[in-house]
């Protein structure tokens, strides 16, 4: 998500089915969290570039394999919380997500990637990470800072606990959930540096 989560829209709490029917009539994208609707705001150049770099690398490495990569226009349903999110990038290898019934919304990702800014960090690493962790098929979540070269890869271990796996000394991330390698150079290729106007006030 490119900007801070705005206040919820003044609509009573609704369920997923009602939300999907409502959003199909809207010109803008929205997320559903805890029964409340939030308007999606636009992303900066850096956010868009990083997401595109990551998705392009995934698609190239997954070509010919049963996993598929999606970007922020594809909905992800988190059933345990009745939530609908738009991850910046995610990969699903589950056949249920390849069926005609899942054409508009996916349910079973293996890997989720969020590109975060100073204004979205608390929400993405907090409530949104909590939502993602409730997905039984999800094995890894990758947080990518858009204003500096910093990434945090969390992986679910055999006990169901989430552990942090930093990049290797060579700047590579081993994404075991989908059998990929992603480098910092690939992530931040052609990303414009943050300007003073982009940085949060202190």
Protein backbone atom coordinates (compact mmCIF):
# COMPACT_ATOMS: atom_id res chain seq x y z
CA UNK A 1 0.00 0.00 0.00
CA UNK A 2 1.53 3.28 -1.07
CA UNK A 3 0.10 5.71 1.51
CA UNK A 4 -1.14 5.66 5.08
CA UNK A 5 -4.42 3.90 5.72
CA UNK A 6 -7.11 6.63 5.60
CA UNK A 7 -10.05 6.81 7.98
CA UNK A 8 -12.80 4.32 7.13
CA UNK A 9 -15.59 5.51 4.88
CA UNK A 10 -18.84 6.47 6.65
CA UNK A 11 -20.57 3.21 5.78
CA UNK A 12 -21.91 0.76 8.33
CA UNK A 13 -19.91 -2.41 8.82
CA UNK A 14 -20.65 -4.93 6.09
CA UNK A 15 -19.77 -8.50 5.23
CA UNK A 16 -17.53 -9.66 2.41
CA UNK A 17 -20.33 -10.47 -0.05
CA UNK A 18 -21.91 -7.04 0.41
CA UNK A 19 -18.54 -5.35 0.11
CA UNK A 20 -17.69 -7.13 -3.14
CA UNK A 21 -21.05 -6.20 -4.65
CA UNK A 22 -20.59 -2.59 -3.54
CA UNK A 23 -16.99 -2.26 -4.73
CA UNK A 24 -17.81 -3.60 -8.18
CA UNK A 25 -19.80 -0.39 -8.69
CA UNK A 26 -17.02 1.95 -7.50
CA UNK A 27 -14.45 3.72 -9.71
CA UNK A 28 -11.76 3.44 -7.00
CA UNK A 29 -10.33 0.44 -5.19
CA UNK A 30 -11.09 -0.24 -1.53
CA UNK A 31 -10.01 -2.68 1.17
CA UNK A 32 -12.21 -4.30 3.78
CA UNK A 33 -10.73 -4.70 7.27
CA UNK A 34 -12.72 -5.61 10.38
CA UNK A 35 -15.96 -4.93 8.52
CA UNK A 36 -14.96 -1.37 7.62
CA UNK A 37 -14.20 -0.01 4.14
CA UNK A 38 -11.01 1.91 3.42
CA UNK A 39 -10.29 3.80 0.20
CA UNK A 40 -6.99 2.91 -1.48
CA UNK A 41 -4.72 5.88 -2.15
CA UNK A 42 -2.21 6.31 -4.96
CA UNK A 43 1.34 5.00 -4.78
CA UNK A 44 4.59 6.89 -5.32
CA UNK A 45 6.98 6.18 -8.17
CA UNK A 46 9.27 4.17 -5.87
CA UNK A 47 6.44 1.97 -4.63
CA UNK A 48 5.25 1.23 -8.14
CA UNK A 49 8.75 0.55 -9.48
CA UNK A 50 9.68 -1.80 -6.65
CA UNK A 51 6.46 -3.78 -7.02
CA UNK A 52 6.99 -4.04 -10.76
CA UNK A 53 10.61 -5.15 -10.31
CA UNK A 54 9.60 -7.85 -7.86
CA UNK A 55 6.67 -9.10 -9.92
CA UNK A 56 8.75 -9.18 -13.11
CA UNK A 57 11.47 -11.22 -11.41
CA UNK A 58 8.92 -13.64 -9.99
CA UNK A 59 7.18 -14.11 -13.32
CA UNK A 60 10.47 -14.81 -15.12
CA UNK A 61 11.58 -17.37 -12.55
CA UNK A 62 8.17 -19.05 -12.26
CA UNK A 63 7.59 -19.43 -16.00
CA UNK A 64 6.49 -22.99 -16.70
CA UNK A 65 5.76 -23.71 -13.03
CA UNK A 66 2.33 -24.05 -11.38
CA UNK A 67 2.69 -20.83 -9.34
CA UNK A 68 1.29 -17.49 -10.50
CA UNK A 69 2.23 -13.93 -9.63
CA UNK A 70 -0.29 -11.15 -9.07
CA UNK A 71 0.05 -7.42 -8.41
CA UNK A 72 -2.07 -4.89 -6.57
CA UNK A 73 -5.13 -5.09 -8.85
CA UNK A 74 -5.96 -8.61 -7.63
CA UNK A 75 -8.00 -9.07 -4.46
CA UNK A 76 -6.92 -11.41 -1.67
CA UNK A 77 -9.59 -12.74 0.69
CA UNK A 78 -8.61 -13.41 4.30
CA UNK A 79 -11.49 -15.57 5.46
CA UNK A 80 -10.67 -15.69 9.17
CA UNK A 81 -11.05 -11.91 9.43
CA UNK A 82 -13.62 -11.31 6.67
CA UNK A 83 -11.03 -9.03 5.07
CA UNK A 84 -10.26 -8.13 1.47
CA UNK A 85 -6.78 -6.75 0.72
CA UNK A 86 -4.73 -5.79 -2.30
CA UNK A 87 -1.13 -6.88 -1.62
CA UNK A 88 1.49 -5.12 -3.71
CA UNK A 89 2.61 -8.53 -5.01
CA UNK A 90 1.68 -12.08 -4.10
CA UNK A 91 2.25 -15.59 -5.41
CA UNK A 92 -0.20 -18.47 -5.22
CA UNK A 93 0.60 -22.06 -6.12
CA UNK A 94 -2.71 -23.54 -4.99
CA UNK A 95 -4.87 -25.12 -7.72
CA UNK A 96 -7.96 -23.64 -6.05
CA UNK A 97 -6.70 -20.18 -7.01
CA UNK A 98 -6.38 -21.23 -10.65
CA UNK A 99 -10.02 -22.20 -11.04
CA UNK A 100 -12.66 -20.12 -12.85
CA UNK A 101 -14.34 -19.47 -9.48
CA UNK A 102 -11.20 -17.62 -8.33
CA UNK A 103 -11.00 -15.37 -11.38
CA UNK A 104 -11.65 -12.16 -9.41
CA UNK A 105 -10.34 -13.01 -5.95
CA UNK A 106 -7.65 -15.32 -4.55
CA UNK A 107 -7.62 -17.13 -1.21
CA UNK A 108 -4.51 -19.32 -0.86
CA UNK A 109 -1.21 -17.45 -1.34
CA UNK A 110 2.20 -18.89 -0.55
CA UNK A 111 4.04 -15.56 -0.52
CA UNK A 112 2.93 -11.96 0.04
CA UNK A 113 5.04 -8.84 -0.63
CA UNK A 114 4.26 -5.40 0.78
CA UNK A 115 6.17 -2.25 -0.24
CA UNK A 116 6.00 0.12 2.70
CA UNK A 117 6.67 3.79 3.35
CA UNK A 118 7.20 5.61 6.67
CA UNK A 119 3.48 6.42 6.73
CA UNK A 120 2.32 2.82 6.13
CA UNK A 121 4.93 0.91 8.11
CA UNK A 122 3.02 0.64 11.38
CA UNK A 123 -0.16 -0.63 9.70
CA UNK A 124 1.58 -3.00 7.26
CA UNK A 125 3.82 -4.53 9.93
CA UNK A 126 1.04 -4.54 12.51
CA UNK A 127 -2.60 -5.24 11.71
CA UNK A 128 -2.03 -6.22 8.09
CA UNK A 129 0.74 -8.68 8.99
CA UNK A 130 -1.59 -10.11 11.62
CA UNK A 131 -4.25 -10.65 8.96
CA UNK A 132 -1.80 -12.31 6.60
CA UNK A 133 -0.51 -14.66 9.30
CA UNK A 134 -4.00 -16.12 9.63
CA UNK A 135 -3.83 -17.51 6.07
CA UNK A 136 -3.05 -21.23 6.45
CA UNK A 137 -1.28 -21.57 3.08
CA UNK A 138 0.94 -18.52 3.57
CA UNK A 139 4.58 -19.37 4.21
CA UNK A 140 6.44 -16.07 3.74
CA UNK A 141 5.81 -12.33 3.97
CA UNK A 142 8.34 -9.88 2.55
CA UNK A 143 8.33 -6.23 3.65
CA UNK A 144 10.27 -3.85 1.39
CA UNK A 145 11.09 -0.29 2.41
CA UNK A 146 10.52 2.10 -0.48
CA UNK A 147 12.70 4.96 0.83
CA UNK A 148 15.80 2.94 1.74
CA UNK A 149 17.33 -0.40 0.84
CA UNK A 150 15.89 -2.41 3.70
CA UNK A 151 13.93 -5.65 3.47
CA UNK A 152 12.49 -7.98 6.11
CA UNK A 153 11.56 -11.54 5.15
CA UNK A 154 9.39 -13.45 7.62
CA UNK A 155 8.93 -17.21 7.23
CA UNK A 156 6.62 -19.61 9.06
CA UNK A 157 8.64 -22.42 10.65
CA UNK A 158 7.60 -26.00 11.35
CA UNK A 159 6.06 -24.98 14.68
CA UNK A 160 3.91 -22.31 13.05
CA UNK A 161 6.03 -19.47 14.42
CA UNK A 162 7.20 -16.62 12.20
CA UNK A 163 10.95 -16.02 12.01
CA UNK A 164 12.96 -13.22 10.42
CA UNK A 165 15.41 -14.20 7.66
CA UNK A 166 17.75 -11.37 6.57
CA UNK A 167 19.38 -11.24 3.12
CA UNK A 168 22.65 -13.08 2.60
CA UNK A 169 25.94 -11.18 2.67
CA UNK A 170 25.61 -10.94 -1.12
CA UNK A 171 22.23 -9.22 -0.77
CA UNK A 172 20.11 -12.20 -1.83
CA UNK A 173 16.80 -13.37 -0.39
CA UNK A 174 16.00 -17.07 -0.55
CA UNK A 175 12.23 -17.37 -0.93
CA UNK A 176 11.75 -21.01 -0.07
CA UNK A 177 7.95 -20.87 -0.29
CA UNK A 178 8.12 -20.58 -4.07
CA UNK A 179 11.71 -21.67 -4.79
CA UNK A 180 12.98 -18.25 -5.88
CA UNK A 181 15.97 -16.02 -5.27
CA UNK A 182 15.54 -12.25 -5.21
CA UNK A 183 18.39 -9.77 -4.83
CA UNK A 184 18.40 -6.24 -3.46
CA UNK A 185 19.76 -5.08 -6.83
CA UNK A 186 16.69 -6.54 -8.57
CA UNK A 187 14.29 -5.04 -6.03
CA UNK A 188 15.68 -1.50 -6.20
CA UNK A 189 16.64 -1.32 -9.89
CA UNK A 190 15.84 2.16 -11.30
CA UNK A 191 14.15 3.27 -8.08
CA UNK A 192 14.28 7.02 -7.58
CA UNK A 193 15.75 8.13 -4.23
CA UNK A 194 13.44 9.76 -1.71
CA UNK A 195 13.37 13.55 -1.74
CA UNK A 196 13.03 15.75 1.37
CA UNK A 197 9.38 16.38 0.45
CA UNK A 198 8.73 12.63 0.55
CA UNK A 199 10.14 12.16 4.03
CA UNK A 200 7.87 12.33 7.07
CA UNK A 201 8.04 15.33 9.38
CA UNK A 202 9.65 14.74 12.76
